[in-house]
Protein backbone atom coordinates (compact mmCIF):
# COMPACT_ATOMS: atom_id res chain seq x y z
CA UNK A 1 -32.60 1.94 -22.21
CA UNK A 2 -28.70 2.96 -21.48
CA UNK A 3 -26.43 5.51 -22.42
CA UNK A 4 -22.82 4.34 -23.72
CA UNK A 5 -21.62 3.37 -20.21
CA UNK A 6 -24.49 1.22 -19.43
CA UNK A 7 -25.35 3.45 -16.39
CA UNK A 8 -28.71 3.04 -17.16
CA UNK A 9 -28.63 -0.62 -16.15
CA UNK A 10 -28.96 -1.73 -12.45
CA UNK A 11 -26.69 -4.28 -10.79
CA UNK A 12 -28.15 -6.95 -7.91
CA UNK A 13 -25.42 -7.91 -5.75
CA UNK A 14 -25.96 -10.83 -2.96
CA UNK A 15 -23.76 -10.78 -0.48
CA UNK A 16 -21.59 -7.97 1.43
CA UNK A 17 -18.38 -9.99 2.15
CA UNK A 18 -15.10 -9.76 0.64
CA UNK A 19 -16.28 -10.31 -3.05
CA UNK A 20 -19.45 -8.36 -2.88
CA UNK A 21 -17.95 -5.57 -1.40
CA UNK A 22 -15.35 -5.52 -4.10
CA UNK A 23 -18.30 -5.42 -6.93
CA UNK A 24 -19.45 -2.65 -5.26
CA UNK A 25 -16.85 -0.61 -5.22
CA UNK A 26 -15.41 -1.33 -8.89
CA UNK A 27 -19.05 -0.01 -9.74
CA UNK A 28 -18.45 3.16 -7.81
CA UNK A 29 -15.44 3.40 -9.57
CA UNK A 30 -16.57 3.64 -13.11
CA UNK A 31 -19.21 5.98 -12.13
CA UNK A 32 -22.25 3.78 -11.19
CA UNK A 33 -24.29 3.85 -8.42
CA UNK A 34 -27.50 1.85 -9.72
CA UNK A 35 -26.61 -0.79 -7.39
CA UNK A 36 -28.11 -2.58 -4.25
CA UNK A 37 -26.36 -5.08 -2.06
CA UNK A 38 -28.25 -7.49 0.21
CA UNK A 39 -26.71 -9.10 2.93
CA UNK A 40 -28.31 -11.60 5.20
CA UNK A 41 -26.11 -10.71 8.16
CA UNK A 42 -26.04 -7.55 10.27
CA UNK A 43 -23.07 -6.13 9.39
CA UNK A 44 -20.57 -6.76 6.53
CA UNK A 45 -17.46 -9.37 6.37
CA UNK A 46 -18.79 -12.35 4.92
CA UNK A 47 -17.16 -15.32 6.74
CA UNK A 48 -14.97 -12.87 8.84
CA UNK A 49 -18.35 -11.59 10.49
CA UNK A 50 -19.93 -15.34 10.78
CA UNK A 51 -16.88 -16.88 12.23
CA UNK A 52 -15.44 -15.39 15.62
CA UNK A 53 -14.13 -17.96 17.47
CA UNK A 54 -10.82 -18.06 19.59
CA UNK A 55 -7.74 -18.27 17.68
CA UNK A 56 -9.32 -17.29 13.95
CA UNK A 57 -6.68 -16.39 11.65
CA UNK A 58 -5.99 -15.97 7.95
CA UNK A 59 -3.81 -18.67 6.14
CA UNK A 60 -2.85 -15.91 3.91
CA UNK A 61 -0.58 -13.60 4.19
CA UNK A 62 -2.33 -10.56 5.27
CA UNK A 63 -0.85 -7.80 2.93
CA UNK A 64 -1.70 -10.66 -0.12
CA UNK A 65 -5.10 -10.44 1.55
CA UNK A 66 -6.23 -6.66 0.66
CA UNK A 67 -7.69 -5.47 -2.27
CA UNK A 68 -4.68 -4.42 -4.75
CA UNK A 69 -6.18 -0.92 -4.66
CA UNK A 70 -6.51 -0.11 -1.17
CA UNK A 71 -3.05 -1.42 0.65
CA UNK A 72 -3.15 -1.79 4.69
CA UNK A 73 0.01 -0.81 6.14
CA UNK A 74 -1.06 -1.45 9.54
CA UNK A 75 -1.71 -5.39 10.10
CA UNK A 76 -0.66 -6.39 13.19
CA UNK A 77 1.10 -9.26 11.93
CA UNK A 78 2.15 -11.23 9.02
CA UNK A 79 -1.29 -13.77 8.70
CA UNK A 80 -3.66 -11.40 10.46
CA UNK A 81 -6.20 -12.47 13.16
CA UNK A 82 -9.89 -12.42 11.89
CA UNK A 83 -11.34 -9.16 13.65
CA UNK A 84 -8.95 -6.98 12.33
CA UNK A 85 -9.98 -8.59 8.69
CA UNK A 86 -13.29 -7.59 9.20
CA UNK A 87 -12.49 -4.32 10.30
CA UNK A 88 -10.29 -3.74 7.41
CA UNK A 89 -13.87 -4.63 5.19
CA UNK A 90 -15.94 -2.70 6.90
CA UNK A 91 -13.36 0.27 6.91
CA UNK A 92 -13.27 -0.21 2.79
CA UNK A 93 -17.18 -0.16 2.42
CA UNK A 94 -16.97 2.99 4.47
CA UNK A 95 -14.07 4.59 2.46
CA UNK A 96 -15.38 3.78 -1.18
CA UNK A 97 -19.16 4.94 -0.35
CA UNK A 98 -20.83 1.25 -0.69
CA UNK A 99 -22.18 1.17 2.89
CA UNK A 100 -25.30 3.29 1.86
CA UNK A 101 -26.24 0.69 -0.94
CA UNK A 102 -26.39 -2.16 1.42
CA UNK A 103 -29.47 -3.56 2.61
CA UNK A 104 -28.64 -5.56 6.23
CA UNK A 105 -30.58 -8.24 7.54
CA UNK A 106 -32.25 -9.14 4.42
CA UNK A 107 -31.72 -12.63 2.62
CA UNK A 108 -32.05 -13.28 -1.14
CA UNK A 109 -34.25 -16.16 -1.46
CA UNK A 110 -35.23 -16.02 -5.08
CA UNK A 111 -34.09 -14.61 -8.38
CA UNK A 112 -35.63 -15.16 -12.01
CA UNK A 113 -34.98 -13.94 -15.55
CA UNK A 114 -38.04 -12.92 -16.79
CA UNK A 115 -39.02 -10.21 -19.22
CA UNK A 116 -34.89 -9.63 -20.11
CA UNK A 117 -34.68 -8.65 -16.22
CA UNK A 118 -33.37 -10.21 -12.83
CA UNK A 119 -36.25 -10.40 -10.17
CA UNK A 120 -35.39 -10.91 -6.84
CA UNK A 121 -37.38 -11.55 -3.67
CA UNK A 122 -36.33 -11.30 -0.12
CA UNK A 123 -36.72 -12.74 3.23
CA UNK A 124 -38.57 -9.47 3.71
CA UNK A 125 -41.12 -9.58 0.97
CA UNK A 126 -39.41 -7.31 -0.93
CA UNK A 127 -39.42 -7.48 -4.63
CA UNK A 128 -36.19 -5.74 -6.31
CA UNK A 129 -35.07 -6.26 -10.27
CA UNK A 130 -31.93 -5.40 -12.09
CA UNK A 131 -30.13 -6.28 -15.66
CA UNK A 132 -27.31 -8.09 -13.85
CA UNK A 133 -26.72 -10.41 -11.19
CA UNK A 134 -23.57 -10.77 -9.08
CA UNK A 135 -23.66 -13.91 -6.62
CA UNK A 136 -21.06 -13.10 -4.02
CA UNK A 137 -22.70 -15.54 -1.55
CA UNK A 138 -18.84 -17.26 -0.83
CA UNK A 139 -17.93 -20.52 -0.53
CA UNK A 140 -17.91 -21.37 3.26
CA UNK A 141 -21.11 -20.07 4.78
CA UNK A 142 -23.39 -23.02 4.97
CA UNK A 143 -22.38 -24.59 8.25
CA UNK A 144 -21.76 -28.42 7.97
CA UNK A 145 -22.80 -30.24 11.08
CA UNK A 146 -21.70 -33.65 11.92
CA UNK A 147 -24.14 -36.62 11.64
CA UNK A 148 -23.57 -38.14 14.98
CA UNK A 149 -26.20 -39.93 17.39
CA UNK A 150 -26.90 -37.86 20.52
CA UNK A 151 -25.43 -34.65 19.48
CA UNK A 152 -28.58 -32.78 20.61
CA UNK A 153 -28.70 -34.52 23.77
CA UNK A 154 -25.44 -32.99 25.46
CA UNK A 155 -26.16 -31.32 28.64
CA UNK A 156 -23.42 -28.57 28.43
CA UNK A 157 -22.84 -26.05 26.08
CA UNK A 158 -22.31 -27.09 22.09
CA UNK A 159 -22.43 -25.23 19.43
CA UNK A 160 -20.80 -25.17 15.65
CA UNK A 161 -17.55 -23.16 15.38
CA UNK A 162 -19.03 -20.57 12.94
CA UNK A 163 -21.91 -19.97 15.62
CA UNK A 164 -19.31 -19.34 18.34
CA UNK A 165 -21.29 -18.79 21.61
CA UNK A 166 -19.22 -16.25 23.70
CA UNK A 167 -21.56 -16.07 26.34
CA UNK A 168 -20.14 -19.60 27.25
CA UNK A 169 -17.30 -19.49 29.97
CA UNK A 170 -13.95 -21.71 28.70
CA UNK A 171 -11.36 -21.13 31.37
CA UNK A 172 -11.03 -24.18 33.46
CA UNK A 173 -13.84 -26.08 31.61
CA UNK A 174 -13.21 -29.50 30.38
CA UNK A 175 -13.85 -28.93 26.20
CA UNK A 176 -13.93 -31.50 23.68
CA UNK A 177 -13.36 -29.90 20.04
CA UNK A 178 -14.58 -32.07 16.51
CA UNK A 179 -12.83 -31.46 13.49
CA UNK A 180 -9.17 -31.27 12.54
CA UNK A 181 -9.43 -28.73 9.82
CA UNK A 182 -7.72 -25.18 9.78
CA UNK A 183 -10.55 -24.02 12.43
CA UNK A 184 -10.33 -27.13 14.57
CA UNK A 185 -6.34 -26.66 14.55
CA UNK A 186 -6.48 -22.83 15.67
CA UNK A 187 -9.52 -23.16 18.17
CA UNK A 188 -7.08 -26.06 20.00
CA UNK A 189 -4.14 -24.03 19.94
CA UNK A 190 -5.76 -21.14 21.29
CA UNK A 191 -7.68 -22.84 24.03
CA UNK A 192 -5.08 -25.12 25.15
CA UNK A 193 -3.65 -23.03 28.12
CA UNK A 194 -7.31 -22.21 28.97
CA UNK A 195 -9.02 -25.57 29.45
CA UNK A 196 -8.50 -27.73 32.30
CA UNK A 197 -8.73 -30.47 29.98
CA UNK A 198 -8.88 -30.23 26.05
CA UNK A 199 -9.65 -33.52 23.90
CA UNK A 200 -9.35 -32.97 20.27
CA UNK A 201 -11.07 -35.65 18.25
CA UNK A 202 -9.44 -36.54 15.10
CA UNK A 203 -10.88 -38.58 12.63
CA UNK A 204 -7.98 -37.44 9.96
CA UNK A 205 -4.58 -36.36 10.75
CA UNK A 206 -3.58 -33.09 8.64
CA UNK A 207 -0.41 -31.95 6.98
CA UNK A 208 0.40 -28.90 8.99
CA UNK A 209 2.71 -26.24 7.48
CA UNK A 210 4.35 -23.70 10.12
CA UNK A 211 3.89 -20.14 9.53
CA UNK A 212 5.71 -16.87 9.77
CA UNK A 213 4.84 -15.42 13.45
CA UNK A 214 6.12 -12.15 12.36
CA UNK A 215 4.40 -9.69 14.63
CA UNK A 216 4.66 -5.99 13.08
CA UNK A 217 5.97 -3.17 15.13
CA UNK A 218 5.07 0.46 14.85
CA UNK A 219 8.26 0.96 12.87
CA UNK A 220 7.22 -1.73 10.43
CA UNK A 221 3.63 -0.25 9.82
CA UNK A 222 5.40 3.27 9.63
CA UNK A 223 7.43 1.98 6.74
CA UNK A 224 4.74 0.29 5.03
CA UNK A 225 2.86 3.64 5.37
CA UNK A 226 5.64 5.61 3.60
CA UNK A 227 6.85 2.88 0.91
CA UNK A 228 3.97 0.76 -0.56
CA UNK A 229 6.96 -0.80 -2.50
CA UNK A 230 7.66 -2.74 0.86
CA UNK A 231 3.98 -4.22 0.69
CA UNK A 232 4.00 -5.45 -2.87
CA UNK A 233 7.40 -7.06 -2.06
CA UNK A 234 5.32 -8.74 0.90
CA UNK A 235 2.29 -9.52 -1.64
CA UNK A 236 4.64 -11.01 -4.75
CA UNK A 237 6.90 -12.97 -2.85
CA UNK A 238 7.10 -16.16 -4.87
CA UNK A 239 8.23 -17.86 -1.94
CA UNK A 240 4.92 -17.06 0.24
CA UNK A 241 4.44 -18.47 3.54
CA UNK A 242 5.08 -22.15 1.90
CA UNK A 243 6.88 -21.05 -1.50
CA UNK A 244 3.61 -20.65 -3.35
CA UNK A 245 5.08 -21.53 -6.68
CA UNK A 246 6.22 -25.21 -5.37
CA UNK A 247 2.66 -25.42 -3.97
CA UNK A 248 1.06 -24.91 -7.31
CA UNK A 249 3.26 -27.12 -8.78
CA UNK A 250 2.77 -30.16 -6.70
CA UNK A 251 -0.85 -29.91 -6.00
CA UNK A 252 -1.11 -29.93 -10.33
CA UNK A 253 1.94 -32.41 -10.93
CA UNK A 254 1.68 -34.86 -7.78
CA UNK A 255 4.86 -36.71 -9.48
CA UNK A 256 6.84 -33.45 -9.47
CA UNK A 257 10.14 -32.80 -7.59
CA UNK A 258 8.32 -29.53 -6.04
CA UNK A 259 5.80 -32.05 -4.46
CA UNK A 260 8.62 -34.19 -3.28
CA UNK A 261 10.37 -31.29 -1.78
CA UNK A 262 6.73 -30.23 0.00
CA UNK A 263 5.96 -33.69 1.67
CA UNK A 264 9.71 -33.64 2.83
CA UNK A 265 9.61 -30.09 4.72
CA UNK A 266 6.06 -30.95 6.32
CA UNK A 267 7.85 -34.39 7.37
CA UNK A 268 10.41 -33.14 8.76
CA UNK A 269 8.18 -30.51 10.57
CA UNK A 270 6.49 -33.35 12.39
CA UNK A 271 9.74 -35.54 13.20
CA UNK A 272 11.15 -32.36 14.85
CA UNK A 273 8.48 -30.57 16.50
CA UNK A 274 6.56 -33.90 18.07
CA UNK A 275 8.95 -35.76 20.52
CA UNK A 276 6.21 -38.51 21.70
CA UNK A 277 6.70 -40.84 19.26
CA UNK A 278 3.11 -42.02 20.06
CA UNK A 279 1.38 -38.86 19.49
CA UNK A 280 3.68 -38.67 16.03
CA UNK A 281 2.01 -41.37 14.79
CA UNK A 282 -1.34 -40.03 15.74
CA UNK A 283 -0.63 -36.88 13.91
CA UNK A 284 1.24 -38.69 10.69
CA UNK A 285 -1.51 -38.33 7.86
CA UNK A 286 -1.83 -41.84 5.77
CA UNK A 287 -2.43 -39.68 2.54
CA UNK A 288 0.02 -37.39 0.43
CA UNK A 289 0.52 -34.03 1.17
CA UNK A 290 -1.74 -31.12 0.09
CA UNK A 291 -4.37 -33.60 -0.83
CA UNK A 292 -6.67 -31.82 1.89
CA UNK A 293 -6.04 -28.10 2.13
CA UNK A 294 -2.79 -27.22 3.89
CA UNK A 295 -3.03 -26.15 7.44
CA UNK A 296 -0.94 -23.40 8.59
CA UNK A 297 0.01 -23.27 12.38
CA UNK A 298 2.87 -22.66 14.30
CA UNK A 299 1.48 -23.62 17.72
CA UNK A 300 -0.67 -26.72 17.15
CA UNK A 301 2.40 -29.22 17.52
CA UNK A 302 3.34 -27.50 21.27
CA UNK A 303 -0.52 -27.41 22.38
CA UNK A 304 -1.30 -30.85 21.65
CA UNK A 305 2.06 -31.67 23.61
CA UNK A 306 0.59 -30.09 26.70
CA UNK A 307 -0.08 -32.42 29.55
CA UNK A 308 -3.86 -31.34 29.44
CA UNK A 309 -4.59 -32.17 25.90
CA UNK A 310 -5.23 -35.12 24.43
CA UNK A 311 -5.34 -36.16 20.71
CA UNK A 312 -7.99 -38.88 20.59
CA UNK A 313 -8.11 -41.02 17.38
CA UNK A 314 -10.56 -43.58 18.60
CA UNK A 315 -14.21 -43.56 16.68
CA UNK A 316 -17.19 -41.54 18.43
CA UNK A 317 -20.03 -43.77 18.86
CA UNK A 318 -22.29 -40.74 20.13
CA UNK A 319 -22.65 -38.02 21.94
CA UNK A 320 -24.31 -38.34 25.54
CA UNK A 321 -25.15 -35.66 28.44
CA UNK A 322 -22.43 -35.73 29.98
CA UNK A 323 -19.70 -36.24 27.13
CA UNK A 324 -18.57 -38.33 23.79
CA UNK A 325 -18.63 -41.78 24.33
CA UNK A 326 -16.13 -43.58 21.94
CA UNK A 327 -16.58 -46.97 20.25
CA UNK A 328 -14.61 -48.77 22.62
CA UNK A 329 -17.26 -47.35 25.48
CA UNK A 330 -15.11 -44.74 26.89
CA UNK A 331 -16.81 -41.68 27.90
CA UNK A 332 -14.64 -38.37 27.55
CA UNK A 333 -16.66 -36.35 29.86
CA UNK A 334 -16.88 -32.78 28.82
CA UNK A 335 -18.46 -29.47 29.85
CA UNK A 336 -18.46 -27.53 26.48
CA UNK A 337 -18.22 -29.55 22.55
CA UNK A 338 -17.61 -27.35 19.65
CA UNK A 339 -18.04 -28.62 16.30
CA UNK A 340 -15.25 -27.30 14.04
CA UNK A 341 -16.99 -29.66 11.13
CA UNK A 342 -16.74 -26.96 8.43
CA UNK A 343 -18.98 -25.68 5.82
CA UNK A 344 -21.03 -27.40 2.90
CA UNK A 345 -18.68 -26.33 -0.04
CA UNK A 346 -21.20 -27.38 -2.79
CA UNK A 347 -23.76 -24.97 -1.93
CA UNK A 348 -22.90 -21.00 -3.43
CA UNK A 349 -26.21 -19.75 -4.07
CA UNK A 350 -28.05 -22.36 -2.44
CA UNK A 351 -30.72 -22.42 -0.65
CA UNK A 352 -31.83 -19.47 -3.28
CA UNK A 353 -34.08 -20.40 -5.86
CA UNK A 354 -32.62 -19.29 -9.12
CA UNK A 355 -34.33 -19.88 -12.35
CA UNK A 356 -32.96 -18.54 -15.92
CA UNK A 357 -34.01 -18.18 -19.33
CA UNK A 358 -37.38 -19.88 -20.02
CA UNK A 359 -37.72 -21.11 -16.44
CA UNK A 360 -34.29 -23.53 -16.59
CA UNK A 361 -33.66 -24.31 -12.83
CA UNK A 362 -30.18 -24.06 -11.49
CA UNK A 363 -30.70 -26.65 -8.74
CA UNK A 364 -31.03 -28.93 -12.24
CA UNK A 365 -27.94 -27.82 -13.61
CA UNK A 366 -26.45 -28.83 -10.54
CA UNK A 367 -28.19 -32.07 -9.62
CA UNK A 368 -24.82 -34.14 -9.74
CA UNK A 369 -22.39 -31.05 -9.42
CA UNK A 370 -21.99 -27.40 -9.30
CA UNK A 371 -20.91 -26.26 -12.96
CA UNK A 372 -19.77 -23.14 -14.10
CA UNK A 373 -17.98 -22.12 -17.45
CA UNK A 374 -14.44 -20.98 -16.09
CA UNK A 375 -15.88 -20.68 -12.62
CA UNK A 376 -17.91 -17.57 -13.31
CA UNK A 377 -20.98 -18.29 -15.40
CA UNK A 378 -23.32 -20.37 -16.38
CA UNK A 379 -25.49 -21.03 -19.43
CA UNK A 380 -29.08 -19.94 -19.07
CA UNK A 381 -28.70 -17.43 -16.98
CA UNK A 382 -27.68 -14.04 -18.56
CA UNK A 383 -25.62 -11.75 -17.05
CA UNK A 384 -24.85 -13.67 -13.97
CA UNK A 385 -21.59 -14.04 -12.57
CA UNK A 386 -20.37 -16.37 -9.63
CA UNK A 387 -17.48 -14.84 -7.82
CA UNK A 388 -15.25 -17.68 -6.07
CA UNK A 389 -17.68 -19.65 -8.08
CA UNK A 390 -17.77 -23.43 -8.82
CA UNK A 391 -14.30 -25.26 -9.25
CA UNK A 392 -12.57 -22.13 -8.97
CA UNK A 393 -9.33 -21.45 -7.58
CA UNK A 394 -9.66 -21.79 -3.66
CA UNK A 395 -6.03 -23.30 -2.51
CA UNK A 396 -3.98 -21.29 -0.07
CA UNK A 397 -3.72 -18.05 -1.76
CA UNK A 398 -5.55 -15.02 -1.80
CA UNK A 399 -9.11 -15.49 -3.10
CA UNK A 400 -9.20 -11.70 -3.36
CA UNK A 401 -6.65 -11.65 -6.18
CA UNK A 402 -9.23 -14.69 -7.64
CA UNK A 403 -12.39 -12.48 -7.17
CA UNK A 404 -10.86 -9.18 -8.62
CA UNK A 405 -9.73 -11.16 -11.77
CA UNK A 406 -13.41 -12.37 -12.21
CA UNK A 407 -15.02 -9.09 -11.83
CA UNK A 408 -12.78 -7.32 -13.95
CA UNK A 409 -14.10 -10.62 -16.66
CA UNK A 410 -17.35 -10.04 -15.98
CA UNK A 411 -17.08 -6.39 -16.00
CA UNK A 412 -15.61 -6.85 -19.89
CA UNK A 413 -18.27 -9.07 -20.37
CA UNK A 414 -21.19 -6.74 -19.79
CA UNK A 415 -19.76 -4.30 -22.24
CA UNK A 416 -22.20 -5.52 -25.45
CA UNK A 417 -24.93 -4.91 -23.01
CA UNK A 418 -24.38 -1.65 -21.85
CA UNK A 419 -23.73 -0.80 -25.46
CA UNK A 420 -27.67 -2.15 -26.17
CA UNK A 421 -26.49 -4.57 -28.42
CA UNK A 422 -28.46 -7.11 -26.12
CA UNK A 423 -30.53 -7.69 -22.73
CA UNK A 424 -28.14 -10.19 -21.45
CA UNK A 425 -25.14 -12.54 -22.51
CA UNK A 426 -24.40 -16.27 -21.37
CA UNK A 427 -22.05 -18.92 -22.07
CA UNK A 428 -23.45 -21.53 -24.29
CA UNK A 429 -24.17 -24.91 -23.09
CA UNK A 430 -21.26 -26.65 -25.54
CA UNK A 431 -19.06 -24.20 -24.25
CA UNK A 432 -19.40 -25.24 -20.46
CA UNK A 433 -19.30 -29.04 -21.69
CA UNK A 434 -16.02 -28.70 -23.58
CA UNK A 435 -14.77 -26.81 -20.95
CA UNK A 436 -15.96 -28.95 -17.95
CA UNK A 437 -14.48 -32.28 -19.97
CA UNK A 438 -11.46 -30.34 -19.68
CA UNK A 439 -11.02 -29.45 -16.38
CA UNK A 440 -12.43 -33.29 -15.26
CA UNK A 441 -9.46 -34.52 -16.63
CA UNK A 442 -7.07 -32.16 -15.18
CA UNK A 443 -8.69 -32.54 -12.11
CA UNK A 444 -8.34 -36.33 -12.10
CA UNK A 445 -4.43 -36.11 -12.49
CA UNK A 446 -4.23 -33.42 -9.17
CA UNK A 447 -2.77 -34.31 -5.53
CA UNK A 448 -6.57 -33.50 -4.74
CA UNK A 449 -7.37 -36.76 -6.23
CA UNK A 450 -5.23 -38.76 -4.97
CA UNK A 451 -7.49 -40.53 -2.61
CA UNK A 452 -8.11 -38.60 0.45
CA UNK A 453 -11.71 -37.44 1.45
CA UNK A 454 -12.19 -33.48 1.84
CA UNK A 455 -14.48 -30.57 0.93
CA UNK A 456 -12.55 -29.87 -2.26
CA UNK A 457 -14.23 -33.31 -3.57
CA UNK A 458 -17.46 -33.11 -5.68
CA UNK A 459 -20.51 -35.19 -6.03
CA UNK A 460 -18.84 -36.50 -8.95
CA UNK A 461 -15.91 -38.13 -6.73
CA UNK A 462 -13.35 -35.39 -8.71
CA UNK A 463 -11.91 -32.30 -7.05
CA UNK A 464 -13.85 -29.05 -7.73
CA UNK A 465 -10.72 -27.03 -7.31
CA UNK A 466 -9.12 -25.00 -10.32
CA UNK A 467 -6.64 -27.77 -11.81
CA UNK A 468 -4.37 -25.49 -14.10
CA UNK A 469 -1.50 -23.44 -13.70
CA UNK A 470 -2.46 -20.18 -11.72
CA UNK A 471 -1.06 -18.10 -15.29
CA UNK A 472 -3.54 -19.94 -17.11
CA UNK A 473 -6.36 -18.80 -14.73
CA UNK A 474 -5.19 -14.72 -15.18
CA UNK A 475 -4.82 -15.18 -19.12
CA UNK A 476 -8.40 -16.69 -19.35
CA UNK A 477 -9.82 -13.50 -16.82
CA UNK A 478 -7.96 -11.41 -18.94
CA UNK A 479 -10.52 -11.14 -21.66
CA UNK A 480 -13.81 -12.91 -22.52
CA UNK A 481 -14.14 -15.23 -25.80
CA UNK A 482 -17.25 -13.78 -27.01
CA UNK A 483 -17.25 -16.81 -29.41
CA UNK A 484 -18.17 -19.05 -26.26
CA UNK A 485 -21.47 -16.74 -25.74
CA UNK A 486 -24.63 -16.28 -27.11
CA UNK A 487 -27.16 -13.12 -26.78
CA UNK A 488 -30.18 -13.35 -25.09
CA UNK A 489 -33.42 -11.13 -25.36
CA UNK A 490 -34.17 -8.14 -26.82
CA UNK A 491 -31.22 -4.86 -27.19
CA UNK A 492 -31.51 -2.44 -24.51
CA UNK A 493 -32.76 0.12 -27.06
CA UNK A 494 -35.68 -1.77 -28.83
């Protein structure tokens, strides 16, 4: 039984990254201490804990990548380096008293709705239970290893970019980087002046947008501290790093003037900054701008024009003890091989086993592609929210804003449960199917569906990305439509 504020209800949160900490902070702010955060790692930070590679930088302006209620006037630059971001989240966990609720080095392995409650099991053998389950596992947390013959035979140091081995010397070494996403671009930029030879193995060229290289002075920080309106001006600037309004219009409507303008800007940057015509054509994408996630980088074009750096576009045949063998027989000899090959974006809560009402298996529902009603809730899985879940907004903008809106939605959704009207709420399958049909139709018309391969594309061949204007996202997150939900289980007062 709970009081009218639901303080007798217990919340279990999975993950102590940005979204999991947000959930804990919001619960604390409403006077609710009845929650536990389970974190598989040894500290907070999520992807900012997992990734520690050289050159790690966020591609969202730092002042926009903060909680709306906790500005940080002390960012060192316009787009913050990874270590600063992890430190920010650690500071937030301490400031808001969330750290004491976290169980580190304890991975949730299973969750089941049973007897009108969520019951979980962890890697340490612990059993716990609660009324609400917050899946804040993130999108990019399961490394994707390339299927390349012989990777395990390499005689030098070889590791995934999200498992960086800092004991490996880099200065003066022959380094190879496989992968041309944001991570690969940042690593190459950071190591170009350190390696004796640096080879960037490129399967697919990328569209690259220059980013503001503003470094904040102590005077800037003082002004931010004294006048939060200056921070708000950065956060709310529609121009952003790539003109946010233009970008959103461009990806949703590929035939719009906005997309033509975006592609013209990106093309001009390539033409103007890369002098060698052969290299320029290597770096010119053969797909439309923004079909893949746009990469922000100031120094990549400069890095790959250095005499010790090679962009290798020939196909990799296999990896051998001495290096990478190309399909024409050439051997690129290496001392260090970095696999900047991204993450399995379709995993979300996997490999956890989650079962809902009557033993419904989430893996069965997600057999083709992960699905969630407006990216946050799932039929037959009551009181479970997926922060930054399937087909949510994951473009070049702040996922913190997205997670805050999703949490506010879930918090409002749980009001009937807190009042004791029912044990749980879940969307109906009809509501999910109707939403998904609209989503799939919208996704098919976006730039992401224009023919390139990317981690946005799901098992059904369609983009798993929010495919409407962001105004619509804010609108639907502002208030749950209880008509699309069904009450499950006995009332808390029964």
